Every structure is written in structure tokens, then in C-alpha cells.
Amino acid sequence: MADATIGYCVKCKEKREMQDAEEVTMKNGRKAMKGKCGVCGTGMYKILGKA
């Protein structure tokens, strides 16, 4: 997935590319991408689809 490393930064209020993005599994079993904003360094989280 090319856009899996793009997420919404709540500090910048824009979609930004994630740095150090890694796929994690949440407590409910769904997959998500976790990383940091490439501009301000704020933690970012993007929930991935079920497929």
C-alpha cells in the first residue's frame, strides 16, 4: 500500500507522511499504522482497513 504511511497529524491539521511507521495490532484485533509526523514529530496513528 503506497498511502499506508500517510496519516492525519492533529498538531499540523494536515495529512502528512509518517516517519518510522510500523504496523501494529490493536486490542480489538484490527491492524493500524503507528509512526511520527515527518514535520513536527507528533505521534500519529492510522487505522487500516479489514482487508
PDB file of N, CA and C in Angstrom:
ATOM      1  N   MET A   1       0.834  -1.190   0.000  1.00  0.00           N
ATOM      2  CA  MET A   1       0.000   0.000   0.000  1.00  0.00           C
ATOM      3  C   MET A   1       0.875   1.250   0.000  1.00  0.00           C
ATOM      4  N   ALA A   2       0.737   2.062  -0.996  1.00  0.00           N
ATOM      5  CA  ALA A   2       1.569   3.245  -1.122  1.00  0.00           C
ATOM      6  C   ALA A   2       1.163   4.323  -0.127  1.00  0.00           C
ATOM      7  N   ASP A   3      -0.131   4.459   0.156  1.00  0.00           N
ATOM      8  CA  ASP A   3      -0.587   5.539   1.037  1.00  0.00           C
ATOM      9  C   ASP A   3      -0.723   5.089   2.493  1.00  0.00           C
ATOM     10  N   ALA A   4      -0.174   3.930   2.848  1.00  0.00           N
ATOM     11  CA  ALA A   4      -0.285   3.436   4.218  1.00  0.00           C
ATOM     12  C   ALA A   4       0.530   4.292   5.174  1.00  0.00           C
ATOM     13  N   THR A   5       1.529   5.009   4.674  1.00  0.00           N
ATOM     14  CA  THR A   5       2.348   5.840   5.544  1.00  0.00           C
ATOM     15  C   THR A   5       1.870   7.281   5.587  1.00  0.00           C
ATOM     16  N   ILE A   6       0.718   7.570   4.990  1.00  0.00           N
ATOM     17  CA  ILE A   6       0.130   8.908   5.053  1.00  0.00           C
ATOM     18  C   ILE A   6      -0.957   8.889   6.121  1.00  0.00           C
ATOM     19  N   GLY A   7      -0.889   9.830   7.047  1.00  0.00           N
ATOM     20  CA  GLY A   7      -1.885   9.914   8.102  1.00  0.00           C
ATOM     21  C   GLY A   7      -2.181  11.370   8.432  1.00  0.00           C
ATOM     22  N   TYR A   8      -3.164  11.584   9.283  1.00  0.00           N
ATOM     23  CA  TYR A   8      -3.567  12.936   9.659  1.00  0.00           C
ATOM     24  C   TYR A   8      -2.836  13.339  10.936  1.00  0.00           C
ATOM     25  N   CYS A   9      -2.133  14.443  10.890  1.00  0.00           N
ATOM     26  CA  CYS A   9      -1.449  14.991  12.067  1.00  0.00           C
ATOM     27  C   CYS A   9      -2.378  15.996  12.739  1.00  0.00           C
ATOM     28  N   VAL A  10      -2.726  15.738  13.991  1.00  0.00           N
ATOM     29  CA  VAL A  10      -3.656  16.637  14.686  1.00  0.00           C
ATOM     30  C   VAL A  10      -2.989  17.948  15.081  1.00  0.00           C
ATOM     31  N   LYS A  11      -1.673  17.959  15.174  1.00  0.00           N
ATOM     32  CA  LYS A  11      -0.968  19.197  15.521  1.00  0.00           C
ATOM     33  C   LYS A  11      -0.833  20.112  14.300  1.00  0.00           C
ATOM     34  N   CYS A  12      -0.453  19.535  13.147  1.00  0.00           N
ATOM     35  CA  CYS A  12      -0.323  20.311  11.905  1.00  0.00           C
ATOM     36  C   CYS A  12      -1.672  20.558  11.243  1.00  0.00           C
ATOM     37  N   LYS A  13      -2.677  19.729  11.580  1.00  0.00           N
ATOM     38  CA  LYS A  13      -4.014  19.781  10.980  1.00  0.00           C
ATOM     39  C   LYS A  13      -3.952  19.560   9.473  1.00  0.00           C
ATOM     40  N   GLU A  14      -3.078  18.628   9.057  1.00  0.00           N
ATOM     41  CA  GLU A  14      -2.916  18.273   7.655  1.00  0.00           C
ATOM     42  C   GLU A  14      -2.528  16.811   7.553  1.00  0.00           C
ATOM     43  N   LYS A  15      -2.739  16.238   6.354  1.00  0.00           N
ATOM     44  CA  LYS A  15      -2.245  14.884   6.107  1.00  0.00           C
ATOM     45  C   LYS A  15      -0.752  14.978   5.848  1.00  0.00           C
ATOM     46  N   ARG A  16      -0.008  14.152   6.555  1.00  0.00           N
ATOM     47  CA  ARG A  16       1.453  14.161   6.442  1.00  0.00           C
ATOM     48  C   ARG A  16       1.976  12.736   6.310  1.00  0.00           C
ATOM     49  N   GLU A  17       3.214  12.617   5.873  1.00  0.00           N
ATOM     50  CA  GLU A  17       3.853  11.311   5.784  1.00  0.00           C
ATOM     51  C   GLU A  17       4.405  10.918   7.148  1.00  0.00           C
ATOM     52  N   MET A  18       4.220   9.646   7.504  1.00  0.00           N
ATOM     53  CA  MET A  18       4.703   9.137   8.788  1.00  0.00           C
ATOM     54  C   MET A  18       6.170   8.733   8.689  1.00  0.00           C
ATOM     55  N   GLN A  19       6.931   9.063   9.712  1.00  0.00           N
ATOM     56  CA  GLN A  19       8.305   8.604   9.851  1.00  0.00           C
ATOM     57  C   GLN A  19       8.302   7.401  10.778  1.00  0.00           C
ATOM     58  N   ASP A  20       9.183   6.457  10.561  1.00  0.00           N
ATOM     59  CA  ASP A  20       9.311   5.254  11.405  1.00  0.00           C
ATOM     60  C   ASP A  20       7.979   4.529  11.553  1.00  0.00           C
ATOM     61  N   ALA A  21       7.216   4.427  10.460  1.00  0.00           N
ATOM     62  CA  ALA A  21       5.902   3.788  10.507  1.00  0.00           C
ATOM     63  C   ALA A  21       6.048   2.282  10.674  1.00  0.00           C
ATOM     64  N   GLU A  22       5.237   1.713  11.554  1.00  0.00           N
ATOM     65  CA  GLU A  22       5.220   0.270  11.751  1.00  0.00           C
ATOM     66  C   GLU A  22       3.787  -0.194  11.936  1.00  0.00           C
ATOM     67  N   GLU A  23       3.506  -1.410  11.475  1.00  0.00           N
ATOM     68  CA  GLU A  23       2.161  -1.965  11.592  1.00  0.00           C
ATOM     69  C   GLU A  23       2.011  -2.602  12.959  1.00  0.00           C
ATOM     70  N   VAL A  24       0.934  -2.255  13.656  1.00  0.00           N
ATOM     71  CA  VAL A  24       0.646  -2.806  14.975  1.00  0.00           C
ATOM     72  C   VAL A  24      -0.762  -3.391  14.969  1.00  0.00           C
ATOM     73  N   THR A  25      -1.048  -4.241  15.941  1.00  0.00           N
ATOM     74  CA  THR A  25      -2.377  -4.813  16.109  1.00  0.00           C
ATOM     75  C   THR A  25      -2.983  -4.236  17.381  1.00  0.00           C
ATOM     76  N   MET A  26      -4.171  -3.667  17.266  1.00  0.00           N
ATOM     77  CA  MET A  26      -4.841  -3.080  18.424  1.00  0.00           C
ATOM     78  C   MET A  26      -5.462  -4.177  19.286  1.00  0.00           C
ATOM     79  N   LYS A  27      -5.951  -3.822  20.455  1.00  0.00           N
ATOM     80  CA  LYS A  27      -6.551  -4.778  21.377  1.00  0.00           C
ATOM     81  C   LYS A  27      -7.749  -5.501  20.785  1.00  0.00           C
ATOM     82  N   ASN A  28      -8.490  -4.821  19.916  1.00  0.00           N
ATOM     83  CA  ASN A  28      -9.676  -5.445  19.311  1.00  0.00           C
ATOM     84  C   ASN A  28      -9.332  -6.296  18.093  1.00  0.00           C
ATOM     85  N   GLY A  29      -8.050  -6.438  17.756  1.00  0.00           N
ATOM     86  CA  GLY A  29      -7.630  -7.292  16.662  1.00  0.00           C
ATOM     87  C   GLY A  29      -7.436  -6.597  15.331  1.00  0.00           C
ATOM     88  N   ARG A  30      -7.825  -5.333  15.212  1.00  0.00           N
ATOM     89  CA  ARG A  30      -7.660  -4.590  13.954  1.00  0.00           C
ATOM     90  C   ARG A  30      -6.216  -4.120  13.817  1.00  0.00           C
ATOM     91  N   LYS A  31      -5.806  -3.947  12.574  1.00  0.00           N
ATOM     92  CA  LYS A  31      -4.448  -3.503  12.290  1.00  0.00           C
ATOM     93  C   LYS A  31      -4.414  -1.987  12.150  1.00  0.00           C
ATOM     94  N   ALA A  32      -3.263  -1.403  12.497  1.00  0.00           N
ATOM     95  CA  ALA A  32      -3.082   0.040  12.403  1.00  0.00           C
ATOM     96  C   ALA A  32      -1.620   0.347  12.109  1.00  0.00           C
ATOM     97  N   MET A  33      -1.378   1.542  11.590  1.00  0.00           N
ATOM     98  CA  MET A  33      -0.016   2.025  11.382  1.00  0.00           C
ATOM     99  C   MET A  33       0.282   3.056  12.454  1.00  0.00           C
ATOM    100  N   LYS A  34       1.453   2.959  13.037  1.00  0.00           N
ATOM    101  CA  LYS A  34       1.856   3.869  14.106  1.00  0.00           C
ATOM    102  C   LYS A  34       3.190   4.486  13.710  1.00  0.00           C
ATOM    103  N   GLY A  35       3.295   5.804  13.836  1.00  0.00           N
ATOM    104  CA  GLY A  35       4.527   6.484  13.474  1.00  0.00           C
ATOM    105  C   GLY A  35       4.550   7.897  14.017  1.00  0.00           C
ATOM    106  N   LYS A  36       5.465   8.703  13.476  1.00  0.00           N
ATOM    107  CA  LYS A  36       5.603  10.096  13.889  1.00  0.00           C
ATOM    108  C   LYS A  36       5.463  10.997  12.679  1.00  0.00           C
ATOM    109  N   CYS A  37       4.966  12.200  12.901  1.00  0.00           N
ATOM    110  CA  CYS A  37       4.836  13.196  11.838  1.00  0.00           C
ATOM    111  C   CYS A  37       6.233  13.587  11.354  1.00  0.00           C
ATOM    112  N   GLY A  38       6.404  13.632  10.031  1.00  0.00           N
ATOM    113  CA  GLY A  38       7.690  13.987   9.464  1.00  0.00           C
ATOM    114  C   GLY A  38       8.059  15.446   9.658  1.00  0.00           C
ATOM    115  N   VAL A  39       7.094  16.303   9.987  1.00  0.00           N
ATOM    116  CA  VAL A  39       7.343  17.734  10.129  1.00  0.00           C
ATOM    117  C   VAL A  39       7.538  18.132  11.592  1.00  0.00           C
ATOM    118  N   CYS A  40       6.550  17.778  12.458  1.00  0.00           N
ATOM    119  CA  CYS A  40       6.605  18.245  13.853  1.00  0.00           C
ATOM    120  C   CYS A  40       6.978  17.153  14.858  1.00  0.00           C
ATOM    121  N   GLY A  41       6.949  15.876  14.442  1.00  0.00           N
ATOM    122  CA  GLY A  41       7.350  14.799  15.341  1.00  0.00           C
ATOM    123  C   GLY A  41       6.269  14.284  16.269  1.00  0.00           C
ATOM    124  N   THR A  42       5.032  14.756  16.108  1.00  0.00           N
ATOM    125  CA  THR A  42       3.924  14.295  16.933  1.00  0.00           C
ATOM    126  C   THR A  42       3.569  12.854  16.569  1.00  0.00           C
ATOM    127  N   GLY A  43       3.163  12.060  17.545  1.00  0.00           N
ATOM    128  CA  GLY A  43       2.754  10.682  17.295  1.00  0.00           C
ATOM    129  C   GLY A  43       1.517  10.638  16.423  1.00  0.00           C
ATOM    130  N   MET A  44       1.520   9.739  15.426  1.00  0.00           N
ATOM    131  CA  MET A  44       0.399   9.595  14.503  1.00  0.00           C
ATOM    132  C   MET A  44      -0.073   8.151  14.513  1.00  0.00           C
ATOM    133  N   TYR A  45      -1.339   7.943  14.208  1.00  0.00           N
ATOM    134  CA  TYR A  45      -1.957   6.630  14.228  1.00  0.00           C
ATOM    135  C   TYR A  45      -2.969   6.562  13.108  1.00  0.00           C
ATOM    136  N   LYS A  46      -2.928   5.503  12.307  1.00  0.00           N
ATOM    137  CA  LYS A  46      -3.890   5.353  11.218  1.00  0.00           C
ATOM    138  C   LYS A  46      -4.453   3.947  11.267  1.00  0.00           C
ATOM    139  N   ILE A  47      -5.770   3.816  11.407  1.00  0.00           N
ATOM    140  CA  ILE A  47      -6.421   2.525  11.428  1.00  0.00           C
ATOM    141  C   ILE A  47      -6.565   2.034   9.993  1.00  0.00           C
ATOM    142  N   LEU A  48      -6.129   0.803   9.743  1.00  0.00           N
ATOM    143  CA  LEU A  48      -6.167   0.229   8.406  1.00  0.00           C
ATOM    144  C   LEU A  48      -7.473  -0.513   8.177  1.00  0.00           C
ATOM    145  N   GLY A  49      -7.777  -0.777   6.916  1.00  0.00           N
ATOM    146  CA  GLY A  49      -8.991  -1.493   6.563  1.00  0.00           C
ATOM    147  C   GLY A  49      -8.945  -2.953   6.995  1.00  0.00           C
ATOM    148  N   LYS A  50     -10.084  -3.606   6.914  1.00  0.00           N
ATOM    149  CA  LYS A  50     -10.174  -5.003   7.349  1.00  0.00           C
ATOM    150  C   LYS A  50      -9.507  -5.965   6.365  1.00  0.00           C
ATOM    151  N   ALA A  51      -9.393  -5.566   5.122  1.00  0.00           N
ATOM    152  CA  ALA A  51      -8.869  -6.469   4.087  1.00  0.00           C
ATOM    153  C   ALA A  51      -7.384  -6.641   4.147  1.00  0.00           C
TER     154      ALA A  51
END
